[in-house]
Amino acid sequence: MANKPLVSLIMPVKNEGKHIKNTIESAFSVKTDCDFEIVVVDDDSQDGCCYFLKKNKNEKIKLINTEGLGAANARNAGAEHAKGDIFIFCDAHLFFEDYWIDRLIEPIQKGIADATNPGIADVKNPENIGYGYTWNENLEPKWNREKKKEPYPSPLLAGGCLAISRKAFEDIDGFERGFRVWGREDEEISLKLWLFGYKCYIVPDVTVLHVFRPTAPPFELKWEHVDYNLLRMAFLHFNYERIYNSTKQIKYSLKTLLMAELLQTDILEKRALYEQKRKYDDDWYMKKFNIPF
């Protein structure tokens, strides 16, 4: 395995039922020339979905238990326990194809990209494939459905199967540590990567199958969590006009309360730090990717 780095597949889990077992079995059933480990982060599941791992004897699988950190920080916790040179953050409901790891990390190894996404397809409709995504005029995510022949830049990567070099991940301090439960974590880390001078690419000749739930996620999700994360992302990375426009997207939460809570955190200090460290600003980013926000 010359020139093949150790890859850490990091899987946050919250009440995933049989899906996490299926995902792990799929990872081991497909072909690869890469050495990899799997780090499972059981973020206080109540359904016993990770019990089968407590008797695990496979040295390539590591189980970490956390107490309700939420999507972003469960991923960060997994990274802290990972040994790989490249991380691949995986949802706990995926199915893989032969040599998917090898091809997904190739642009990172070659210096073309610092983070990559495969095509992500619906397991019930494999022809329905998303190749990264962008924002519309209301800062709502919109999948890119156009397949290209070669790897290409994407404004936003999906965290459901996100490969990233350890170096880039650590330099940007990972996923946003001040986020609540779930929401905007994929968008924030993609934006942060670009602003800090890193490159996010799609690898269109790799496809993973994703189980999209027909109902609500198997954990409590509130609009105030999603909206708080939106405000935090805006304050970290946007100019003041875009911060104001972001507040107008909040329709189901009390924005004045969320704003007051946000301003009691480290948000202004972190914003100042990012302004010093980043290579580009949000005007550059929106223009580069023709985002009308």
Protein backbone atom coordinates (compact mmCIF):
# COMPACT_ATOMS: atom_id res chain seq x y z
CA MET A 1 0.00 0.00 0.00
CA ALA A 2 2.76 2.43 -0.91
CA ASN A 3 1.72 6.09 -0.83
CA LYS A 4 -1.66 5.12 0.59
CA PRO A 5 -2.48 7.05 3.77
CA LEU A 6 -4.45 5.69 6.69
CA VAL A 7 -8.06 6.80 6.25
CA SER A 8 -10.44 7.26 9.17
CA LEU A 9 -14.12 6.74 8.44
CA ILE A 10 -15.90 8.76 11.14
CA MET A 11 -19.56 7.86 11.69
CA PRO A 12 -21.70 9.87 14.13
CA VAL A 13 -24.70 7.85 15.27
CA LYS A 14 -27.98 8.86 16.93
CA ASN A 15 -30.74 6.22 17.12
CA GLU A 16 -29.87 4.68 13.75
CA GLY A 17 -31.43 1.27 14.31
CA LYS A 18 -30.09 -1.33 11.86
CA HIS A 19 -28.54 1.28 9.57
CA ILE A 20 -25.21 1.64 11.36
CA LYS A 21 -24.60 -2.12 11.25
CA ASN A 22 -25.46 -2.17 7.53
CA THR A 23 -23.11 0.76 6.86
CA ILE A 24 -20.18 -0.86 8.64
CA GLU A 25 -20.78 -4.18 6.87
CA SER A 26 -20.89 -2.37 3.54
CA ALA A 27 -17.59 -0.61 4.27
CA PHE A 28 -15.86 -3.93 4.89
CA SER A 29 -17.51 -5.76 2.00
CA VAL A 30 -16.23 -3.56 -0.83
CA LYS A 31 -12.74 -3.54 -2.34
CA THR A 32 -10.06 -0.99 -1.51
CA ASP A 33 -6.29 -0.72 -1.56
CA CYS A 34 -6.40 1.76 1.33
CA ASP A 35 -5.83 0.98 4.96
CA PHE A 36 -8.76 2.33 6.94
CA GLU A 37 -10.28 2.41 10.40
CA ILE A 38 -13.85 3.15 11.46
CA VAL A 39 -14.57 5.48 14.36
CA VAL A 40 -18.20 5.24 15.49
CA VAL A 41 -19.44 8.07 17.70
CA ASP A 42 -22.57 6.98 19.55
CA ASP A 43 -24.02 10.35 20.57
CA ASP A 44 -26.33 9.14 23.35
CA SER A 45 -28.49 6.81 21.26
CA GLN A 46 -31.49 5.40 23.11
CA ASP A 47 -32.35 2.55 20.73
CA GLY A 48 -29.36 0.29 21.37
CA CYS A 49 -28.17 0.60 17.78
CA CYS A 50 -24.50 0.36 18.77
CA TYR A 51 -24.76 -2.46 21.32
CA PHE A 52 -23.40 -4.92 18.77
CA LEU A 53 -20.11 -3.01 18.79
CA LYS A 54 -19.51 -3.48 22.52
CA LYS A 55 -18.40 -7.05 21.85
CA ASN A 56 -16.52 -6.03 18.74
CA LYS A 57 -13.12 -7.68 18.28
CA ASN A 58 -12.23 -5.98 15.01
CA GLU A 59 -9.25 -3.73 15.74
CA LYS A 60 -10.23 -1.51 12.82
CA ILE A 61 -13.42 -0.40 14.60
CA LYS A 62 -13.38 2.03 17.51
CA LEU A 63 -16.55 2.98 19.46
CA ILE A 64 -16.73 6.35 21.19
CA ASN A 65 -19.65 7.26 23.46
CA THR A 66 -20.70 10.89 23.85
CA GLU A 67 -23.59 12.53 25.66
CA GLY A 68 -25.67 14.46 23.16
CA LEU A 69 -23.05 16.65 21.53
CA GLY A 70 -25.03 17.19 18.33
CA ALA A 71 -24.01 16.59 14.74
CA ALA A 72 -21.07 19.00 14.48
CA ASN A 73 -19.39 18.18 17.76
CA ALA A 74 -19.98 14.43 17.49
CA ARG A 75 -17.94 14.62 14.29
CA ASN A 76 -15.28 16.64 16.07
CA ALA A 77 -15.16 14.04 18.83
CA GLY A 78 -14.65 11.32 16.24
CA ALA A 79 -11.80 13.27 14.67
CA GLU A 80 -10.10 13.60 18.05
CA HIS A 81 -9.97 9.81 18.33
CA ALA A 82 -9.04 9.18 14.68
CA LYS A 83 -5.53 8.20 13.61
CA GLY A 84 -5.88 8.79 9.88
CA ASP A 85 -4.12 11.28 7.63
CA ILE A 86 -7.46 11.74 5.85
CA PHE A 87 -10.89 11.76 7.49
CA ILE A 88 -14.08 10.71 5.74
CA PHE A 89 -17.17 11.76 7.69
CA CYS A 90 -19.94 9.30 6.86
CA ASP A 91 -23.61 9.24 7.76
CA ALA A 92 -24.59 6.02 9.50
CA HIS A 93 -26.93 5.02 6.66
CA LEU A 94 -24.75 4.54 3.56
CA PHE A 95 -23.84 1.81 1.09
CA PHE A 96 -20.51 1.87 -0.70
CA GLU A 97 -18.98 0.68 -3.98
CA ASP A 98 -15.61 -0.89 -4.80
CA TYR A 99 -12.60 1.43 -4.50
CA TRP A 100 -14.74 4.37 -3.39
CA ILE A 101 -12.20 5.41 -0.76
CA ASP A 102 -9.28 5.25 -3.19
CA ARG A 103 -10.98 7.42 -5.80
CA LEU A 104 -12.51 9.87 -3.33
CA ILE A 105 -9.19 10.73 -1.70
CA GLU A 106 -7.15 10.85 -4.93
CA PRO A 107 -7.69 14.62 -5.54
CA ILE A 108 -6.62 15.28 -1.94
CA GLN A 109 -3.48 13.19 -2.36
CA LYS A 110 -2.64 14.97 -5.61
CA GLY A 111 -3.14 18.44 -4.10
CA ILE A 112 -6.07 19.24 -6.37
CA ALA A 113 -8.50 19.52 -3.45
CA ASP A 114 -8.49 19.60 0.34
CA ALA A 115 -11.99 18.18 0.79
CA THR A 116 -14.17 16.09 -1.51
CA ASN A 117 -17.67 14.67 -1.98
CA PRO A 118 -18.78 11.73 -4.09
CA GLY A 119 -22.08 11.69 -5.88
CA ILE A 120 -24.70 10.93 -3.22
CA ALA A 121 -27.62 8.87 -4.50
CA ASP A 122 -30.96 7.86 -3.04
CA VAL A 123 -30.81 4.15 -2.19
CA LYS A 124 -34.43 3.79 -3.39
CA ASN A 125 -33.75 5.70 -6.58
CA PRO A 126 -30.06 5.31 -7.50
CA GLU A 127 -30.39 7.48 -10.59
CA ASN A 128 -31.26 10.44 -8.34
CA ILE A 129 -27.75 11.71 -7.56
CA GLY A 130 -26.60 14.95 -5.98
CA TYR A 131 -23.11 16.29 -6.68
CA GLY A 132 -22.54 18.75 -3.86
CA TYR A 133 -24.78 21.76 -3.54
CA THR A 134 -25.10 25.52 -3.47
CA TRP A 135 -27.33 28.23 -1.96
CA ASN A 136 -30.26 29.98 -3.58
CA GLU A 137 -31.29 33.60 -3.02
CA ASN A 138 -32.74 32.70 0.40
CA LEU A 139 -29.65 30.80 1.56
CA GLU A 140 -31.49 27.52 1.14
CA PRO A 141 -29.39 24.53 0.02
CA LYS A 142 -29.90 23.30 -3.52
CA TRP A 143 -28.37 20.05 -4.84
CA ASN A 144 -26.32 20.13 -8.03
CA ARG A 145 -27.61 17.41 -10.37
CA GLU A 146 -25.18 17.94 -13.24
CA LYS A 147 -22.57 15.20 -13.59
CA LYS A 148 -19.19 16.18 -15.04
CA LYS A 149 -16.35 13.96 -16.22
CA GLU A 150 -13.56 15.28 -14.01
CA PRO A 151 -13.39 16.47 -10.38
CA TYR A 152 -14.62 20.06 -10.07
CA PRO A 153 -15.12 22.77 -7.42
CA SER A 154 -18.32 22.94 -5.39
CA PRO A 155 -19.40 25.81 -3.13
CA LEU A 156 -20.84 23.38 -0.57
CA LEU A 157 -20.12 19.76 0.29
CA ALA A 158 -22.52 17.36 1.99
CA GLY A 159 -21.33 16.05 5.34
CA GLY A 160 -22.99 12.70 4.68
CA CYS A 161 -19.81 11.54 2.93
CA LEU A 162 -17.16 14.22 3.27
CA ALA A 163 -13.45 13.47 2.83
CA ILE A 164 -10.97 16.01 4.17
CA SER A 165 -7.27 16.06 4.93
CA ARG A 166 -6.40 16.05 8.62
CA LYS A 167 -4.19 19.10 8.00
CA ALA A 168 -7.04 21.21 6.60
CA PHE A 169 -9.52 19.97 9.20
CA GLU A 170 -7.26 20.87 12.10
CA ASP A 171 -6.26 24.22 10.61
CA ILE A 172 -9.88 25.38 10.44
CA ASP A 173 -10.65 23.86 13.87
CA GLY A 174 -13.06 21.32 12.42
CA PHE A 175 -16.82 21.64 12.45
CA GLU A 176 -18.23 24.68 14.23
CA ARG A 177 -18.00 23.97 17.96
CA GLY A 178 -20.71 26.42 18.99
CA PHE A 179 -23.51 24.82 16.97
CA ARG A 180 -26.57 23.25 18.55
CA VAL A 181 -27.92 19.74 17.80
CA TRP A 182 -28.23 19.86 14.00
CA GLY A 183 -28.33 22.29 11.09
CA ARG A 184 -25.96 24.19 8.78
CA GLU A 185 -22.84 22.29 9.91
CA ASP A 186 -22.06 21.05 6.38
CA GLU A 187 -22.56 24.49 4.89
CA GLU A 188 -20.46 26.23 7.51
CA ILE A 189 -17.45 23.96 7.18
CA SER A 190 -17.56 24.19 3.36
CA LEU A 191 -17.75 27.98 3.48
CA LYS A 192 -14.97 28.11 6.07
CA LEU A 193 -12.72 25.92 3.96
CA TRP A 194 -13.08 28.17 0.93
CA LEU A 195 -12.61 31.39 2.94
CA PHE A 196 -9.47 29.99 4.56
CA GLY A 197 -7.97 29.21 1.17
CA TYR A 198 -8.82 25.52 0.88
CA LYS A 199 -10.61 23.82 -2.02
CA CYS A 200 -13.79 21.72 -1.99
CA TYR A 201 -14.29 19.39 -4.96
CA ILE A 202 -16.77 16.86 -6.28
CA VAL A 203 -15.45 13.47 -7.45
CA PRO A 204 -18.23 12.53 -9.87
CA ASP A 205 -17.05 9.02 -10.72
CA VAL A 206 -17.68 7.88 -7.13
CA THR A 207 -21.22 7.25 -5.92
CA VAL A 208 -22.45 6.24 -2.48
CA LEU A 209 -26.03 5.23 -1.74
CA HIS A 210 -27.76 7.15 1.03
CA VAL A 211 -30.88 6.14 2.97
CA PHE A 212 -33.07 9.24 2.95
CA ARG A 213 -35.65 9.09 5.72
CA PRO A 214 -39.30 9.59 4.70
CA THR A 215 -40.08 11.01 8.15
CA ALA A 216 -38.43 13.21 10.78
CA PRO A 217 -34.94 12.26 12.02
CA PRO A 218 -34.75 9.83 14.97
CA PHE A 219 -33.85 12.58 17.44
CA GLU A 220 -35.54 15.75 18.67
CA LEU A 221 -35.04 18.62 16.26
CA LYS A 222 -36.27 22.15 16.86
CA TRP A 223 -36.35 25.12 14.53
CA GLU A 224 -34.62 27.21 17.17
CA HIS A 225 -31.56 24.96 16.86
CA VAL A 226 -31.42 25.27 13.08
CA ASP A 227 -32.03 29.03 13.22
CA TYR A 228 -29.45 29.58 15.94
CA ASN A 229 -26.87 27.78 13.80
CA LEU A 230 -27.80 29.94 10.83
CA LEU A 231 -27.22 33.10 12.88
CA ARG A 232 -23.95 31.78 14.22
CA MET A 233 -22.69 30.92 10.75
CA ALA A 234 -23.70 34.37 9.49
CA PHE A 235 -21.96 36.19 12.35
CA LEU A 236 -18.80 34.16 11.85
CA HIS A 237 -18.43 34.62 8.12
CA PHE A 238 -20.78 37.22 6.56
CA ASN A 239 -20.65 40.99 6.25
CA TYR A 240 -23.28 42.95 8.16
CA GLU A 241 -25.67 43.26 5.24
CA ARG A 242 -25.71 39.47 4.82
CA ILE A 243 -26.11 39.00 8.56
CA TYR A 244 -29.22 41.18 8.37
CA ASN A 245 -30.49 39.25 5.35
CA SER A 246 -29.88 36.01 7.25
CA THR A 247 -32.12 37.16 10.09
CA LYS A 248 -34.93 37.61 7.56
CA GLN A 249 -34.77 33.88 6.79
CA ILE A 250 -35.79 33.05 10.37
CA LYS A 251 -39.53 32.46 10.41
CA TYR A 252 -40.20 29.87 13.13
CA SER A 253 -38.09 31.12 16.05
CA LEU A 254 -37.89 34.23 18.17
CA LYS A 255 -34.91 35.85 16.48
CA THR A 256 -34.37 38.52 19.16
CA LEU A 257 -33.95 35.81 21.80
CA LEU A 258 -31.58 33.82 19.60
CA MET A 259 -29.56 36.95 18.89
CA ALA A 260 -29.28 37.76 22.59
CA GLU A 261 -28.13 34.22 23.35
CA LEU A 262 -25.62 34.29 20.52
CA LEU A 263 -24.06 37.57 21.63
CA GLN A 264 -23.41 36.11 25.08
CA THR A 265 -21.06 33.53 23.53
CA ASP A 266 -17.57 33.84 22.03
CA ILE A 267 -19.05 34.83 18.66
CA LEU A 268 -17.48 38.29 18.30
CA GLU A 269 -14.02 37.12 19.38
CA LYS A 270 -14.19 34.20 16.98
CA ARG A 271 -15.38 36.45 14.15
CA ALA A 272 -12.39 38.74 14.71
CA LEU A 273 -10.04 35.75 14.70
CA TYR A 274 -11.48 34.45 11.44
CA GLU A 275 -11.23 37.87 9.79
CA GLN A 276 -7.51 37.87 10.57
CA LYS A 277 -6.91 34.31 9.43
CA ARG A 278 -9.03 33.90 6.30
CA LYS A 279 -7.70 34.57 2.80
CA TYR A 280 -11.01 35.57 1.19
CA ASP A 281 -14.24 37.21 2.31
CA ASP A 282 -17.88 36.35 1.69
CA ASP A 283 -18.14 38.79 -1.25
CA TRP A 284 -15.41 36.80 -3.02
CA TYR A 285 -17.17 33.53 -2.25
CA MET A 286 -20.63 34.62 -3.40
CA LYS A 287 -19.19 36.05 -6.63
CA LYS A 288 -17.03 33.00 -7.33
CA PHE A 289 -20.03 30.67 -7.16
CA ASN A 290 -22.74 33.04 -8.47
CA ILE A 291 -24.77 32.81 -5.28
CA PRO A 292 -27.46 35.55 -5.30
CA PHE A 293 -27.51 36.23 -1.57
